[in-house]
Protein backbone atom coordinates (compact mmCIF):
# COMPACT_ATOMS: atom_id res chain seq x y z
CA MET A 1 -6.83 -24.99 12.77
CA SER A 2 -6.33 -23.69 9.26
CA LEU A 3 -6.13 -19.91 8.90
CA MET A 4 -7.79 -20.09 5.50
CA ALA A 5 -11.45 -19.14 5.40
CA GLU A 6 -13.84 -18.65 2.54
CA SER A 7 -12.22 -15.67 0.85
CA PRO A 8 -14.39 -12.98 -0.72
CA VAL A 9 -14.11 -12.26 -4.41
CA GLN A 10 -12.37 -9.01 -3.58
CA SER A 11 -10.16 -8.70 -0.53
CA SER A 12 -11.04 -5.98 1.94
CA SER A 13 -8.53 -4.20 4.14
CA SER A 14 -8.92 -2.14 7.30
CA SER A 15 -8.10 1.09 5.47
CA ASP A 16 -10.64 0.42 2.70
CA ASP A 17 -13.32 -0.66 5.18
CA PHE A 18 -12.62 2.36 7.37
CA ALA A 19 -12.86 4.71 4.38
CA ALA A 20 -16.24 3.22 3.46
CA PHE A 21 -17.38 3.50 7.06
CA LEU A 22 -16.39 7.17 7.23
CA ASP A 23 -18.15 7.98 3.96
CA THR A 24 -21.35 6.46 5.32
CA GLU A 25 -21.07 8.26 8.64
CA LEU A 26 -20.32 11.62 7.03
CA GLU A 27 -23.39 11.27 4.82
CA VAL A 28 -25.47 10.65 7.93
CA ALA A 29 -23.84 13.61 9.68
CA SER A 30 -24.57 15.96 6.79
CA SER A 31 -28.32 15.38 7.21
CA SER A 32 -28.21 15.86 10.99
CA SER A 33 -28.25 19.17 12.85
CA SER A 34 -25.94 17.99 15.62
CA PRO A 35 -23.02 15.57 15.71
CA ASP A 36 -24.27 14.36 19.10
CA ASP A 37 -27.30 12.83 17.39
CA GLU A 38 -25.19 10.48 15.31
CA GLU A 39 -25.24 6.80 16.03
CA VAL A 40 -22.24 4.78 14.85
CA ASP A 41 -22.85 1.20 13.80
CA ASN A 42 -20.16 -1.37 14.37
CA ALA A 43 -20.89 -3.46 11.32
CA GLY A 44 -18.05 -5.91 11.34
CA GLU A 45 -17.12 -9.41 10.69
CA SER A 46 -17.10 -12.31 13.14
CA ASP A 47 -13.98 -13.07 15.12
CA ILE A 48 -12.12 -16.14 14.00
CA GLU A 49 -10.63 -18.74 16.26
CA GLU A 50 -7.11 -17.79 17.43
CA SER A 51 -4.45 -19.60 15.43
CA SER A 52 -1.52 -19.58 17.83
CA ASN A 53 0.06 -22.83 16.72
CA LYS A 54 0.70 -21.85 13.12
CA ARG A 55 1.25 -18.10 13.47
CA ARG A 56 2.42 -17.93 17.08
CA LYS A 57 5.22 -15.43 16.43
CA VAL A 58 3.09 -12.99 14.45
CA ASP A 59 0.24 -13.14 16.95
CA SER A 60 2.50 -12.61 19.94
CA GLU A 61 4.07 -9.52 18.39
CA ASP A 62 1.04 -7.83 16.90
CA THR A 63 -2.09 -8.95 18.68
CA LYS A 64 -1.12 -9.54 22.31
CA ASP A 65 -2.36 -6.08 23.29
CA VAL A 66 -5.10 -5.84 20.68
CA ALA A 67 -8.63 -7.10 21.07
CA VAL A 68 -9.40 -8.16 17.52
CA LYS A 69 -12.87 -6.94 16.70
CA ASP A 70 -14.67 -5.93 13.54
CA SER A 71 -12.60 -3.96 11.08
CA THR A 72 -14.99 -1.04 10.66
CA GLY A 73 -16.17 1.54 13.12
CA PRO A 74 -14.56 2.70 16.35
CA SER A 75 -14.98 0.79 19.59
CA SER A 76 -13.51 0.41 23.05
CA ASP A 77 -13.42 -2.29 25.67
CA GLY A 78 -15.97 -3.61 28.12
CA GLU A 79 -19.01 -1.62 29.14
CA ASP A 80 -17.63 1.52 27.51
CA MET A 81 -17.75 -0.01 24.01
CA GLY A 82 -18.80 2.66 21.51
CA LYS A 83 -18.35 5.50 24.02
CA CYS A 84 -15.86 8.36 24.32
CA PRO A 85 -13.32 9.02 25.67
CA PRO A 86 -10.95 7.72 24.48
CA HIS A 87 -11.72 9.17 21.08
CA PRO A 88 -10.88 6.77 18.23
CA GLY A 89 -10.22 9.49 15.66
CA PHE A 90 -11.12 12.88 14.26
CA ILE A 91 -12.34 14.48 11.04
CA LYS A 92 -11.65 18.22 10.81
CA GLY A 93 -11.03 18.29 14.54
CA LEU A 94 -14.28 16.55 15.52
CA CYS A 95 -14.44 13.06 17.00
CA ILE A 96 -15.79 10.60 14.42
CA LEU A 97 -17.79 8.89 17.18
CA CYS A 98 -19.17 11.57 19.50
CA GLY A 99 -18.52 14.83 17.64
CA GLN A 100 -16.49 16.38 20.46
CA LEU A 101 -13.70 18.81 19.60
CA GLU A 102 -10.23 17.29 19.38
CA ASP A 103 -7.93 17.79 22.34
CA ASP A 104 -4.83 18.70 20.35
CA ASN A 105 -2.09 16.85 22.22
CA GLY A 106 -0.33 15.77 19.03
CA SER A 107 -0.76 12.04 19.64
CA ALA A 108 -3.16 11.32 16.76
CA VAL A 109 -1.71 10.28 13.39
CA ALA A 110 -3.00 11.72 10.11
CA PHE A 111 -4.38 9.24 7.56
CA GLY A 112 -5.34 11.64 4.80
CA TYR A 113 -5.00 9.01 2.10
CA ILE A 114 -7.92 7.11 3.65
CA HIS A 115 -10.11 10.16 4.16
CA LYS A 116 -9.31 13.87 3.96
CA ASP A 117 -8.60 15.45 7.36
CA LEU A 118 -8.72 12.07 9.13
CA LYS A 119 -6.62 11.52 12.25
CA LEU A 120 -6.60 8.29 14.24
CA ALA A 121 -5.67 7.72 17.87
CA ARG A 122 -2.90 5.25 18.67
CA LYS A 123 -5.30 2.80 20.29
CA GLU A 124 -7.59 2.81 17.26
CA ILE A 125 -4.60 2.29 14.95
CA SER A 126 -3.58 -0.75 16.98
CA ARG A 127 -7.13 -2.09 16.87
CA LEU A 128 -7.38 -1.69 13.10
CA ARG A 129 -3.99 -3.33 12.59
CA GLY A 130 -5.07 -6.24 14.73
CA ALA A 131 -8.27 -6.62 12.72
CA ASP A 132 -6.35 -6.43 9.45
CA LEU A 133 -3.85 -9.03 10.69
CA THR A 134 -6.72 -11.39 11.43
CA THR A 135 -8.12 -10.81 7.93
CA VAL A 136 -4.90 -11.30 5.97
CA LEU A 137 -3.94 -14.43 7.91
CA ARG A 138 -7.39 -15.88 7.42
CA GLU A 139 -7.15 -15.19 3.68
CA LYS A 140 -3.53 -16.42 3.64
CA LYS A 141 -2.21 -13.11 2.41
CA LEU A 142 0.73 -10.88 3.29
CA ILE A 143 1.00 -7.10 2.81
CA LEU A 144 3.00 -5.71 -0.12
CA ILE A 145 4.15 -2.07 -0.20
CA LEU A 146 5.02 -0.93 -3.74
CA ASP A 147 7.09 2.07 -4.75
CA LEU A 148 6.27 3.62 -8.13
CA ASP A 149 9.15 5.46 -9.80
CA HIS A 150 12.08 3.25 -10.85
CA THR A 151 10.31 0.24 -9.30
CA LEU A 152 7.12 -0.19 -11.33
CA LEU A 153 7.74 2.54 -13.92
CA ASN A 154 9.87 5.40 -15.19
CA SER A 155 8.55 8.88 -15.99
CA THR A 156 10.01 11.90 -17.73
CA ARG A 157 8.88 15.43 -18.49
CA LEU A 158 7.88 16.01 -22.10
CA VAL A 159 10.44 18.83 -22.38
CA ASP A 160 13.21 16.37 -21.43
CA ILE A 161 12.47 13.90 -24.22
CA SER A 162 15.44 13.70 -26.57
CA MET A 163 15.28 13.69 -30.36
CA GLU A 164 16.02 9.97 -30.34
CA GLU A 165 12.99 9.42 -28.08
CA GLN A 166 10.42 11.29 -30.16
CA TYR A 167 9.11 8.01 -31.56
CA LEU A 168 7.71 7.24 -28.09
CA LEU A 169 5.16 10.05 -28.37
CA ARG A 170 3.71 8.44 -31.48
CA GLN A 171 3.63 5.06 -29.73
CA ALA A 172 1.80 6.57 -26.76
CA GLU A 173 -0.90 7.95 -29.08
CA ILE A 174 -1.38 4.54 -30.71
CA LEU A 175 -1.63 2.76 -27.34
CA GLN A 176 -3.88 5.26 -25.55
CA ASN A 177 -6.98 3.01 -25.62
CA ASP A 178 -5.16 -0.19 -24.68
CA SER A 179 -5.86 -1.16 -21.04
CA GLN A 180 -2.60 -3.13 -20.95
CA ARG A 181 -0.53 -0.32 -22.46
CA SER A 182 3.06 0.11 -21.37
CA LEU A 183 3.44 3.74 -22.44
CA VAL A 184 1.20 6.60 -21.26
CA LYS A 185 1.25 10.31 -21.98
CA LEU A 186 0.02 12.28 -18.96
CA ASP A 187 -1.18 15.39 -20.79
CA GLY A 188 -2.30 17.27 -17.69
CA MET A 189 1.11 16.80 -16.10
CA HIS A 190 3.17 17.17 -19.30
CA MET A 191 4.84 13.85 -18.64
CA LEU A 192 5.44 10.53 -20.38
CA THR A 193 5.36 7.33 -18.31
CA LYS A 194 6.79 3.95 -19.28
CA PHE A 195 5.59 1.00 -17.22
CA ARG A 196 8.11 -1.69 -16.44
CA PRO A 197 7.64 -4.85 -18.53
CA PHE A 198 5.36 -7.45 -16.91
CA VAL A 199 3.79 -4.88 -14.54
CA HIS A 200 0.17 -5.75 -15.36
CA THR A 201 0.70 -9.48 -14.88
CA PHE A 202 2.77 -8.80 -11.78
CA LEU A 203 -0.04 -6.85 -10.10
CA LYS A 204 -2.70 -9.36 -11.09
CA GLU A 205 -0.78 -12.35 -9.71
CA ALA A 206 0.60 -10.57 -6.64
CA SER A 207 -2.91 -9.46 -5.65
CA THR A 208 -3.93 -13.09 -5.08
CA ILE A 209 -1.41 -13.50 -2.25
CA PHE A 210 -0.88 -9.92 -1.05
CA GLU A 211 -2.91 -6.97 0.16
CA MET A 212 -1.21 -4.16 -1.78
CA TYR A 213 -0.36 -0.53 -1.04
CA VAL A 214 1.31 2.12 -3.18
CA TYR A 215 3.83 4.22 -1.24
CA THR A 216 5.67 6.90 -3.20
CA MET A 217 7.56 10.09 -2.44
CA ALA A 218 5.83 11.68 -5.43
CA GLU A 219 2.95 14.15 -5.24
CA ARG A 220 -0.54 12.81 -4.66
CA SER A 221 -2.04 13.96 -7.97
CA TYR A 222 0.63 12.07 -9.90
CA ALA A 223 0.34 8.93 -7.74
CA LEU A 224 -3.45 8.82 -8.11
CA GLU A 225 -3.18 9.26 -11.87
CA ILE A 226 -0.75 6.33 -12.11
CA ALA A 227 -2.82 4.18 -9.74
CA ASN A 228 -5.93 4.85 -11.81
CA ILE A 229 -4.16 3.66 -14.97
CA LEU A 230 -2.71 0.54 -13.35
CA ASP A 231 -5.85 -0.21 -11.34
CA PRO A 232 -8.87 1.32 -13.10
CA GLU A 233 -11.30 -1.04 -11.36
CA ARG A 234 -9.73 -0.30 -7.93
CA VAL A 235 -9.24 -3.98 -7.16
CA TYR A 236 -5.52 -3.77 -6.29
CA PHE A 237 -5.04 -0.60 -4.22
CA ASN A 238 -8.43 1.09 -3.79
CA SER A 239 -7.76 3.85 -1.22
CA LYS A 240 -4.33 2.53 -0.26
CA VAL A 241 -2.20 5.09 -2.13
CA ILE A 242 0.28 6.78 0.21
CA THR A 243 2.34 9.78 -0.94
CA GLN A 244 4.98 12.14 0.43
CA SER A 245 2.40 14.33 2.18
CA ASP A 246 1.23 11.34 4.23
CA SER A 247 4.64 10.52 5.72
CA THR A 248 5.24 11.59 9.31
CA GLN A 249 8.97 12.18 8.72
CA ARG A 250 10.51 14.30 5.98
CA ASN A 251 12.25 12.28 3.25
CA GLN A 252 11.32 9.04 4.97
CA LYS A 253 8.72 6.36 4.38
CA GLY A 254 7.25 4.65 7.42
CA LEU A 255 4.88 1.85 8.32
CA ASP A 256 3.32 4.10 10.97
CA VAL A 257 0.86 5.26 8.28
CA VAL A 258 0.06 1.73 7.12
CA LEU A 259 -2.88 -0.03 8.79
CA GLY A 260 -1.19 -3.41 8.64
CA ALA A 261 0.98 -5.39 11.03
CA GLU A 262 4.70 -4.85 10.38
CA SER A 263 5.45 -8.56 10.78
CA VAL A 264 3.53 -9.43 7.59
CA VAL A 265 4.80 -6.53 5.43
CA VAL A 266 7.08 -6.91 2.40
CA ILE A 267 8.40 -3.71 0.77
CA LEU A 268 9.57 -3.34 -2.84
CA ASP A 269 11.53 -0.14 -3.42
CA ASP A 270 14.61 0.97 -5.35
CA THR A 271 15.75 3.37 -2.59
CA GLU A 272 17.01 1.94 0.67
CA PHE A 273 17.60 5.06 2.79
CA VAL A 274 13.93 6.12 2.79
CA TRP A 275 13.11 2.94 4.74
CA ASP A 276 15.65 3.55 7.48
CA LYS A 277 13.40 2.08 10.20
CA HIS A 278 12.13 -0.87 8.17
CA LYS A 279 15.11 -2.31 6.29
CA GLU A 280 14.26 -5.78 7.62
CA ASN A 281 11.10 -5.73 5.49
CA LEU A 282 12.71 -4.32 2.33
CA ILE A 283 13.60 -6.04 -0.92
CA LEU A 284 15.79 -3.54 -2.76
CA MET A 285 14.85 -3.37 -6.43
CA GLU A 286 17.15 -2.68 -9.34
CA ARG A 287 16.27 0.77 -10.66
CA TYR A 288 14.36 0.97 -13.90
CA HIS A 289 15.97 3.64 -16.12
CA PHE A 290 14.10 3.73 -19.42
CA PHE A 291 14.37 7.39 -20.39
CA ALA A 292 17.57 9.31 -21.14
CA SER A 293 16.66 11.98 -18.58
CA SER A 294 16.47 9.31 -15.86
CA CYS A 295 19.97 8.08 -16.69
CA ARG A 296 21.33 11.64 -16.58
CA GLN A 297 19.67 12.42 -13.26
CA HIS A 298 21.39 9.42 -11.69
CA GLY A 299 24.80 10.19 -13.15
CA SER A 300 24.84 7.51 -15.83
CA SER A 301 26.48 8.27 -19.18
CA VAL A 302 25.21 5.14 -20.94
CA ARG A 303 22.55 5.37 -23.61
CA SER A 304 19.08 4.77 -22.27
CA LEU A 305 16.87 1.81 -23.12
CA SER A 306 14.55 4.17 -24.98
CA GLU A 307 17.37 5.51 -27.17
CA LEU A 308 18.54 1.97 -27.86
CA LYS A 309 14.94 0.93 -28.54
CA GLN A 310 15.35 -1.91 -26.08
CA ASP A 311 13.68 -2.92 -22.83
CA GLU A 312 13.81 -5.44 -20.00
CA SER A 313 12.56 -8.92 -20.73
CA ASP A 314 8.90 -9.60 -20.02
CA SER A 315 9.51 -13.18 -18.91
CA ASN A 316 12.93 -12.81 -17.27
CA GLY A 317 13.02 -9.16 -16.26
CA ALA A 318 12.95 -7.52 -12.86
CA LEU A 319 9.25 -7.87 -12.07
CA ALA A 320 8.95 -11.43 -13.36
CA THR A 321 11.94 -12.41 -11.22
CA ILE A 322 10.73 -10.67 -8.09
CA LEU A 323 7.26 -12.19 -8.45
CA ASN A 324 8.85 -15.62 -8.08
CA VAL A 325 10.71 -14.39 -4.98
CA LEU A 326 7.44 -13.10 -3.51
CA LYS A 327 5.67 -16.38 -4.22
CA ARG A 328 8.43 -18.31 -2.44
CA THR A 329 8.30 -15.86 0.47
CA HIS A 330 4.54 -16.33 0.77
CA GLN A 331 4.82 -20.12 0.55
CA THR A 332 7.53 -20.25 3.22
CA PHE A 333 5.66 -17.87 5.53
CA PHE A 334 2.53 -20.01 5.49
CA ASN A 335 4.29 -23.34 5.83
CA PRO A 336 3.42 -25.51 8.88
CA VAL A 337 6.37 -24.19 10.94
CA GLY A 338 5.60 -20.51 10.49
CA VAL A 339 8.20 -17.72 10.43
CA THR A 340 8.08 -13.93 10.39
CA ILE A 341 9.05 -11.73 7.45
CA GLU A 342 12.16 -10.60 9.34
CA GLU A 343 13.25 -14.21 9.88
CA LEU A 344 12.68 -15.00 6.20
CA PHE A 345 14.84 -12.09 5.12
CA CYS A 346 17.67 -13.24 7.38
CA PHE A 347 18.03 -16.19 5.01
CA HIS A 348 17.43 -14.34 1.75
CA TYR A 349 19.56 -11.75 -0.02
CA LYS A 350 18.32 -8.19 0.43
CA LYS A 351 19.17 -7.00 -3.08
CA ILE A 352 18.10 -8.90 -6.17
CA PHE A 353 20.70 -9.00 -8.95
CA TYR A 354 18.81 -9.84 -12.11
CA GLY A 355 20.44 -12.06 -14.67
CA SER A 356 23.49 -12.80 -12.48
């Protein structure tokens, strides 16, 4: 059986669906005097026929212990479906299903990027990942985790702009109303951001074959500002913007806060050590140093691209090259034999040397 179904105009992920579900439920709760009076609807999508022949390895790893149900709303098995305990998750210490106070045993994982003060139980996380796996395989998509700084862009503080870079401020003013602009002045943050060449086309084309997340070690306010510029219609990332405050380990990024199956995840990042537990999924990007301050911070004495008034190629630069790699990865993954991301990366180089 083919895993491809009639795809919606806009792809929907478990995290986005869950955020919408919580917004609806919290609106209902705000008009009710007691959380015990709430009724949670499991408005989901129909199960699809199991596709073990084509995706047998992915299914065996990620769905063998997961009953794939609808992707919104908590549930449990058998006659206890829709009942607590176990509690699927909590908002401000109250169960999102029954309203009972959280038993703080430390097992729930915070998902603040989906909804403020949200924590999900391990079983609910597994269920949502199973549902998302079903969705992405049906739509013939993989999951792409994108770093921001030095991968998709380069930013500098306004006070660090050199005399030779002053021309960029004038350019930013000229381009401020251009939706495809490559240079943005973030007035509220006193920063100047240069997007990597080809970034807008990269996101547009990658979104057709990937469900995309942003995952950055930067602060949330900065990440949301950048995401809003790159994705003003919220068709690429929506709520899927993960920042340093969402990580469960200091100075580390982890897929434990991603509601997607690890076996279908591809990561693009310029820093390897932050993905210590997920190097098998990582494509290490060449760092984008546009500003002079960025070169200095990384110990480079060469003149920056901005000072040279040069840039990477649009058609043959880093993002254009890696898009072709991602397309080949997607094509190979969904071929009739079927392999996992880890198996694919055993046969591909882990670092991309552009122009070599």
